[in-house]
PDB file of N, CA and C in Angstrom:
ATOM      1  N   UNK A   1       1.397  10.605 -26.861  1.00  0.00           N
ATOM      2  CA  UNK A   1       1.647   9.662 -25.963  1.00  0.00           C
ATOM      3  C   UNK A   1       1.028   9.336 -24.577  1.00  0.00           C
ATOM      4  N   UNK A   2       0.764   8.621 -23.908  1.00  0.00           N
ATOM      5  CA  UNK A   2       0.706   8.713 -22.982  1.00  0.00           C
ATOM      6  C   UNK A   2       2.198   8.483 -21.956  1.00  0.00           C
ATOM      7  N   UNK A   3       1.592   8.831 -20.562  1.00  0.00           N
ATOM      8  CA  UNK A   3       2.397   8.390 -19.296  1.00  0.00           C
ATOM      9  C   UNK A   3       3.731   7.069 -18.940  1.00  0.00           C
ATOM     10  N   UNK A   4       2.470   5.919 -19.694  1.00  0.00           N
ATOM     11  CA  UNK A   4       3.142   4.660 -20.138  1.00  0.00           C
ATOM     12  C   UNK A   4       3.847   4.974 -21.456  1.00  0.00           C
ATOM     13  N   UNK A   5       4.170   5.126 -21.609  1.00  0.00           N
ATOM     14  CA  UNK A   5       4.569   4.784 -23.157  1.00  0.00           C
ATOM     15  C   UNK A   5       6.171   4.445 -23.883  1.00  0.00           C
ATOM     16  N   UNK A   6       6.983   4.455 -22.348  1.00  0.00           N
ATOM     17  CA  UNK A   6       8.057   4.004 -22.128  1.00  0.00           C
ATOM     18  C   UNK A   6       8.179   2.661 -21.442  1.00  0.00           C
ATOM     19  N   UNK A   7       7.373   2.439 -20.822  1.00  0.00           N
ATOM     20  CA  UNK A   7       7.090   1.151 -19.891  1.00  0.00           C
ATOM     21  C   UNK A   7       7.013  -0.123 -20.997  1.00  0.00           C
ATOM     22  N   UNK A   8       5.953   1.103 -22.068  1.00  0.00           N
ATOM     23  CA  UNK A   8       4.997  -0.322 -23.116  1.00  0.00           C
ATOM     24  C   UNK A   8       5.736  -0.570 -24.205  1.00  0.00           C
ATOM     25  N   UNK A   9       6.705   0.520 -24.985  1.00  0.00           N
ATOM     26  CA  UNK A   9       8.036   0.471 -25.567  1.00  0.00           C
ATOM     27  C   UNK A   9       8.817  -0.486 -25.537  1.00  0.00           C
ATOM     28  N   UNK A  10       9.476  -0.266 -24.235  1.00  0.00           N
ATOM     29  CA  UNK A  10      10.610  -1.073 -23.661  1.00  0.00           C
ATOM     30  C   UNK A  10      10.008  -2.641 -23.305  1.00  0.00           C
ATOM     31  N   UNK A  11       8.749  -3.330 -22.870  1.00  0.00           N
ATOM     32  CA  UNK A  11       8.240  -4.270 -23.086  1.00  0.00           C
ATOM     33  C   UNK A  11       8.111  -4.948 -24.543  1.00  0.00           C
ATOM     34  N   UNK A  12       7.656  -3.857 -25.194  1.00  0.00           N
ATOM     35  CA  UNK A  12       7.003  -4.578 -27.389  1.00  0.00           C
ATOM     36  C   UNK A  12       9.203  -4.922 -26.823  1.00  0.00           C
ATOM     37  N   UNK A  13      10.054  -4.082 -27.066  1.00  0.00           N
ATOM     38  CA  UNK A  13      11.719  -4.246 -27.531  1.00  0.00           C
ATOM     39  C   UNK A  13      11.553  -5.322 -26.345  1.00  0.00           C
ATOM     40  N   UNK A  14      11.766  -5.354 -25.457  1.00  0.00           N
ATOM     41  CA  UNK A  14      12.368  -6.760 -24.512  1.00  0.00           C
ATOM     42  C   UNK A  14      11.580  -7.938 -25.015  1.00  0.00           C
ATOM     43  N   UNK A  15      10.247  -8.287 -25.285  1.00  0.00           N
ATOM     44  CA  UNK A  15       9.952  -9.245 -26.188  1.00  0.00           C
ATOM     45  C   UNK A  15      10.142  -9.861 -27.211  1.00  0.00           C
ATOM     46  N   UNK A  16      10.574  -8.959 -28.231  1.00  0.00           N
ATOM     47  CA  UNK A  16      11.296  -8.773 -29.529  1.00  0.00           C
ATOM     48  C   UNK A  16      12.402  -9.593 -29.709  1.00  0.00           C
ATOM     49  N   UNK A  17      12.930  -9.097 -28.659  1.00  0.00           N
ATOM     50  CA  UNK A  17      14.500  -9.333 -28.465  1.00  0.00           C
ATOM     51  C   UNK A  17      14.019 -10.979 -28.249  1.00  0.00           C
ATOM     52  N   UNK A  18      13.169 -10.994 -26.813  1.00  0.00           N
ATOM     53  CA  UNK A  18      13.258 -12.446 -26.999  1.00  0.00           C
ATOM     54  C   UNK A  18      13.578 -13.569 -28.118  1.00  0.00           C
ATOM     55  N   UNK A  19      12.140 -13.219 -28.531  1.00  0.00           N
ATOM     56  CA  UNK A  19      12.025 -13.771 -29.822  1.00  0.00           C
ATOM     57  C   UNK A  19      12.405 -14.085 -30.682  1.00  0.00           C
ATOM     58  N   UNK A  20      13.040 -13.083 -31.314  1.00  0.00           N
ATOM     59  CA  UNK A  20      14.662 -13.439 -31.288  1.00  0.00           C
ATOM     60  C   UNK A  20      15.975 -13.969 -31.113  1.00  0.00           C
ATOM     61  N   UNK A  21      15.665 -13.977 -29.699  1.00  0.00           N
ATOM     62  CA  UNK A  21      16.709 -15.382 -29.363  1.00  0.00           C
ATOM     63  C   UNK A  21      16.355 -17.135 -29.670  1.00  0.00           C
ATOM     64  N   UNK A  22      15.316 -16.504 -29.162  1.00  0.00           N
ATOM     65  CA  UNK A  22      14.507 -18.206 -28.756  1.00  0.00           C
ATOM     66  C   UNK A  22      14.884 -18.649 -30.341  1.00  0.00           C
ATOM     67  N   UNK A  23      14.284 -17.343 -31.325  1.00  0.00           N
ATOM     68  CA  UNK A  23      14.366 -17.972 -33.055  1.00  0.00           C
ATOM     69  C   UNK A  23      15.278 -18.556 -33.262  1.00  0.00           C
ATOM     70  N   UNK A  24      17.114 -17.796 -32.950  1.00  0.00           N
ATOM     71  CA  UNK A  24      18.190 -18.013 -33.260  1.00  0.00           C
ATOM     72  C   UNK A  24      18.409 -19.516 -33.141  1.00  0.00           C
ATOM     73  N   UNK A  25      17.926 -19.060 -31.280  1.00  0.00           N
ATOM     74  CA  UNK A  25      18.016 -21.047 -31.362  1.00  0.00           C
ATOM     75  C   UNK A  25      17.781 -21.437 -31.803  1.00  0.00           C
ATOM     76  N   UNK A  26      16.205 -21.473 -32.381  1.00  0.00           N
ATOM     77  CA  UNK A  26      16.168 -23.323 -33.230  1.00  0.00           C
ATOM     78  C   UNK A  26      16.566 -23.709 -33.646  1.00  0.00           C
ATOM     79  N   UNK A  27      17.179 -22.325 -34.885  1.00  0.00           N
ATOM     80  CA  UNK A  27      18.070 -22.874 -36.179  1.00  0.00           C
ATOM     81  C   UNK A  27      20.022 -22.917 -35.473  1.00  0.00           C
ATOM     82  N   UNK A  28      19.900 -22.743 -34.637  1.00  0.00           N
ATOM     83  CA  UNK A  28      21.200 -23.569 -34.263  1.00  0.00           C
ATOM     84  C   UNK A  28      20.808 -24.918 -33.852  1.00  0.00           C
ATOM     85  N   UNK A  29      20.048 -24.741 -33.028  1.00  0.00           N
ATOM     86  CA  UNK A  29      20.102 -26.299 -32.660  1.00  0.00           C
ATOM     87  C   UNK A  29      20.277 -27.278 -34.176  1.00  0.00           C
ATOM     88  N   UNK A  30      18.559 -27.119 -34.925  1.00  0.00           N
ATOM     89  CA  UNK A  30      18.908 -27.693 -36.505  1.00  0.00           C
ATOM     90  C   UNK A  30      19.781 -28.417 -36.627  1.00  0.00           C
ATOM     91  N   UNK A  31      20.277 -27.047 -36.914  1.00  0.00           N
ATOM     92  CA  UNK A  31      22.177 -27.440 -36.933  1.00  0.00           C
ATOM     93  C   UNK A  31      22.685 -28.410 -36.803  1.00  0.00           C
ATOM     94  N   UNK A  32      22.355 -28.544 -35.825  1.00  0.00           N
ATOM     95  CA  UNK A  32      23.340 -29.384 -34.151  1.00  0.00           C
ATOM     96  C   UNK A  32      22.690 -30.301 -34.622  1.00  0.00           C
ATOM     97  N   UNK A  33      21.436 -30.749 -34.646  1.00  0.00           N
ATOM     98  CA  UNK A  33      21.021 -31.820 -34.460  1.00  0.00           C
ATOM     99  C   UNK A  33      20.835 -32.565 -35.642  1.00  0.00           C
ATOM    100  N   UNK A  34      20.787 -32.143 -37.376  1.00  0.00           N
ATOM    101  CA  UNK A  34      20.849 -32.469 -38.164  1.00  0.00           C
ATOM    102  C   UNK A  34      23.248 -32.857 -38.321  1.00  0.00           C
ATOM    103  N   UNK A  35      23.844 -32.286 -38.156  1.00  0.00           N
ATOM    104  CA  UNK A  35      25.176 -32.828 -37.853  1.00  0.00           C
ATOM    105  C   UNK A  35      25.077 -34.015 -36.988  1.00  0.00           C
ATOM    106  N   UNK A  36      25.015 -34.340 -36.161  1.00  0.00           N
ATOM    107  CA  UNK A  36      24.731 -35.439 -35.239  1.00  0.00           C
ATOM    108  C   UNK A  36      23.337 -36.306 -36.048  1.00  0.00           C
ATOM    109  N   UNK A  37      23.118 -36.562 -36.430  1.00  0.00           N
ATOM    110  CA  UNK A  37      21.852 -36.932 -37.852  1.00  0.00           C
ATOM    111  C   UNK A  37      22.981 -37.334 -38.974  1.00  0.00           C
ATOM    112  N   UNK A  38      23.769 -37.176 -39.384  1.00  0.00           N
ATOM    113  CA  UNK A  38      25.056 -36.743 -40.493  1.00  0.00           C
ATOM    114  C   UNK A  38      25.685 -37.911 -40.116  1.00  0.00           C
ATOM    115  N   UNK A  39      26.322 -37.918 -39.053  1.00  0.00           N
ATOM    116  CA  UNK A  39      27.710 -38.337 -38.168  1.00  0.00           C
ATOM    117  C   UNK A  39      26.632 -39.938 -38.155  1.00  0.00           C
ATOM    118  N   UNK A  40      26.119 -39.618 -36.965  1.00  0.00           N
ATOM    119  CA  UNK A  40      25.419 -41.732 -37.278  1.00  0.00           C
ATOM    120  C   UNK A  40      25.316 -41.961 -38.601  1.00  0.00           C
ATOM    121  N   UNK A  41      24.550 -41.750 -39.574  1.00  0.00           N
ATOM    122  CA  UNK A  41      24.928 -42.182 -40.409  1.00  0.00           C
ATOM    123  C   UNK A  41      25.534 -42.903 -41.443  1.00  0.00           C
ATOM    124  N   UNK A  42      26.609 -41.440 -41.437  1.00  0.00           N
ATOM    125  CA  UNK A  42      28.526 -41.976 -41.863  1.00  0.00           C
ATOM    126  C   UNK A  42      28.763 -43.381 -41.011  1.00  0.00           C
ATOM    127  N   UNK A  43      28.743 -43.164 -40.079  1.00  0.00           N
ATOM    128  CA  UNK A  43      28.778 -44.544 -39.178  1.00  0.00           C
ATOM    129  C   UNK A  43      27.723 -45.969 -39.239  1.00  0.00           C
ATOM    130  N   UNK A  44      27.215 -46.143 -40.816  1.00  0.00           N
ATOM    131  CA  UNK A  44      25.932 -46.908 -39.711  1.00  0.00           C
ATOM    132  C   UNK A  44      25.187 -46.617 -39.740  1.00  0.00           C
ATOM    133  N   UNK A  45      24.737 -46.260 -38.416  1.00  0.00           N
ATOM    134  CA  UNK A  45      24.025 -45.924 -37.471  1.00  0.00           C
ATOM    135  C   UNK A  45      22.263 -45.330 -37.809  1.00  0.00           C
ATOM    136  N   UNK A  46      21.411 -46.194 -39.167  1.00  0.00           N
ATOM    137  CA  UNK A  46      20.104 -46.089 -39.445  1.00  0.00           C
ATOM    138  C   UNK A  46      18.819 -46.207 -38.191  1.00  0.00           C
ATOM    139  N   UNK A  47      17.921 -45.339 -39.025  1.00  0.00           N
ATOM    140  CA  UNK A  47      16.746 -45.042 -38.293  1.00  0.00           C
ATOM    141  C   UNK A  47      16.441 -46.045 -38.312  1.00  0.00           C
ATOM    142  N   UNK A  48      15.123 -46.560 -36.930  1.00  0.00           N
ATOM    143  CA  UNK A  48      14.970 -47.646 -36.897  1.00  0.00           C
ATOM    144  C   UNK A  48      13.561 -47.970 -37.793  1.00  0.00           C
ATOM    145  N   UNK A  49      12.593 -46.078 -37.789  1.00  0.00           N
ATOM    146  CA  UNK A  49      11.828 -46.189 -38.818  1.00  0.00           C
ATOM    147  C   UNK A  49      11.822 -47.458 -40.407  1.00  0.00           C
ATOM    148  N   UNK A  50      13.478 -46.933 -40.601  1.00  0.00           N
ATOM    149  CA  UNK A  50      13.870 -47.185 -42.232  1.00  0.00           C
ATOM    150  C   UNK A  50      13.555 -48.852 -41.644  1.00  0.00           C
ATOM    151  N   UNK A  51      13.630 -49.607 -40.913  1.00  0.00           N
ATOM    152  CA  UNK A  51      13.583 -50.733 -41.174  1.00  0.00           C
ATOM    153  C   UNK A  51      12.751 -51.722 -41.966  1.00  0.00           C
ATOM    154  N   UNK A  52      11.872 -50.958 -41.561  1.00  0.00           N
ATOM    155  CA  UNK A  52      10.467 -51.729 -41.844  1.00  0.00           C
ATOM    156  C   UNK A  52       9.816 -50.864 -42.764  1.00  0.00           C
ATOM    157  N   UNK A  53      10.439 -51.803 -44.133  1.00  0.00           N
ATOM    158  CA  UNK A  53       9.406 -51.389 -45.349  1.00  0.00           C
ATOM    159  C   UNK A  53       8.856 -52.656 -45.800  1.00  0.00           C
ATOM    160  N   UNK A  54       8.647 -53.359 -45.582  1.00  0.00           N
ATOM    161  CA  UNK A  54       7.056 -54.361 -45.528  1.00  0.00           C
ATOM    162  C   UNK A  54       6.152 -53.666 -45.089  1.00  0.00           C
ATOM    163  N   UNK A  55       5.769 -52.787 -44.538  1.00  0.00           N
ATOM    164  CA  UNK A  55       4.777 -52.158 -44.038  1.00  0.00           C
ATOM    165  C   UNK A  55       3.797 -52.589 -42.265  1.00  0.00           C
ATOM    166  N   UNK A  56       4.281 -54.005 -42.313  1.00  0.00           N
ATOM    167  CA  UNK A  56       4.274 -54.810 -41.136  1.00  0.00           C
ATOM    168  C   UNK A  56       4.800 -53.935 -39.592  1.00  0.00           C
ATOM    169  N   UNK A  57       3.772 -54.104 -38.517  1.00  0.00           N
ATOM    170  CA  UNK A  57       4.212 -53.272 -37.396  1.00  0.00           C
ATOM    171  C   UNK A  57       4.635 -54.359 -36.427  1.00  0.00           C
TER     172      UNK A  57
END
């Protein structure tokens, strides 16, 4: 390996950790958004897109 192997491995490691954190954040946010949507639906708030059932704009 070359003299820069430590730097290259560290860069890959930091990139891997950053990507893992971002992917984890996406899954946590998805769960939070689904729970918020479920709470709204339980309170009777519906999506506007569901109100148009006849296909008219």
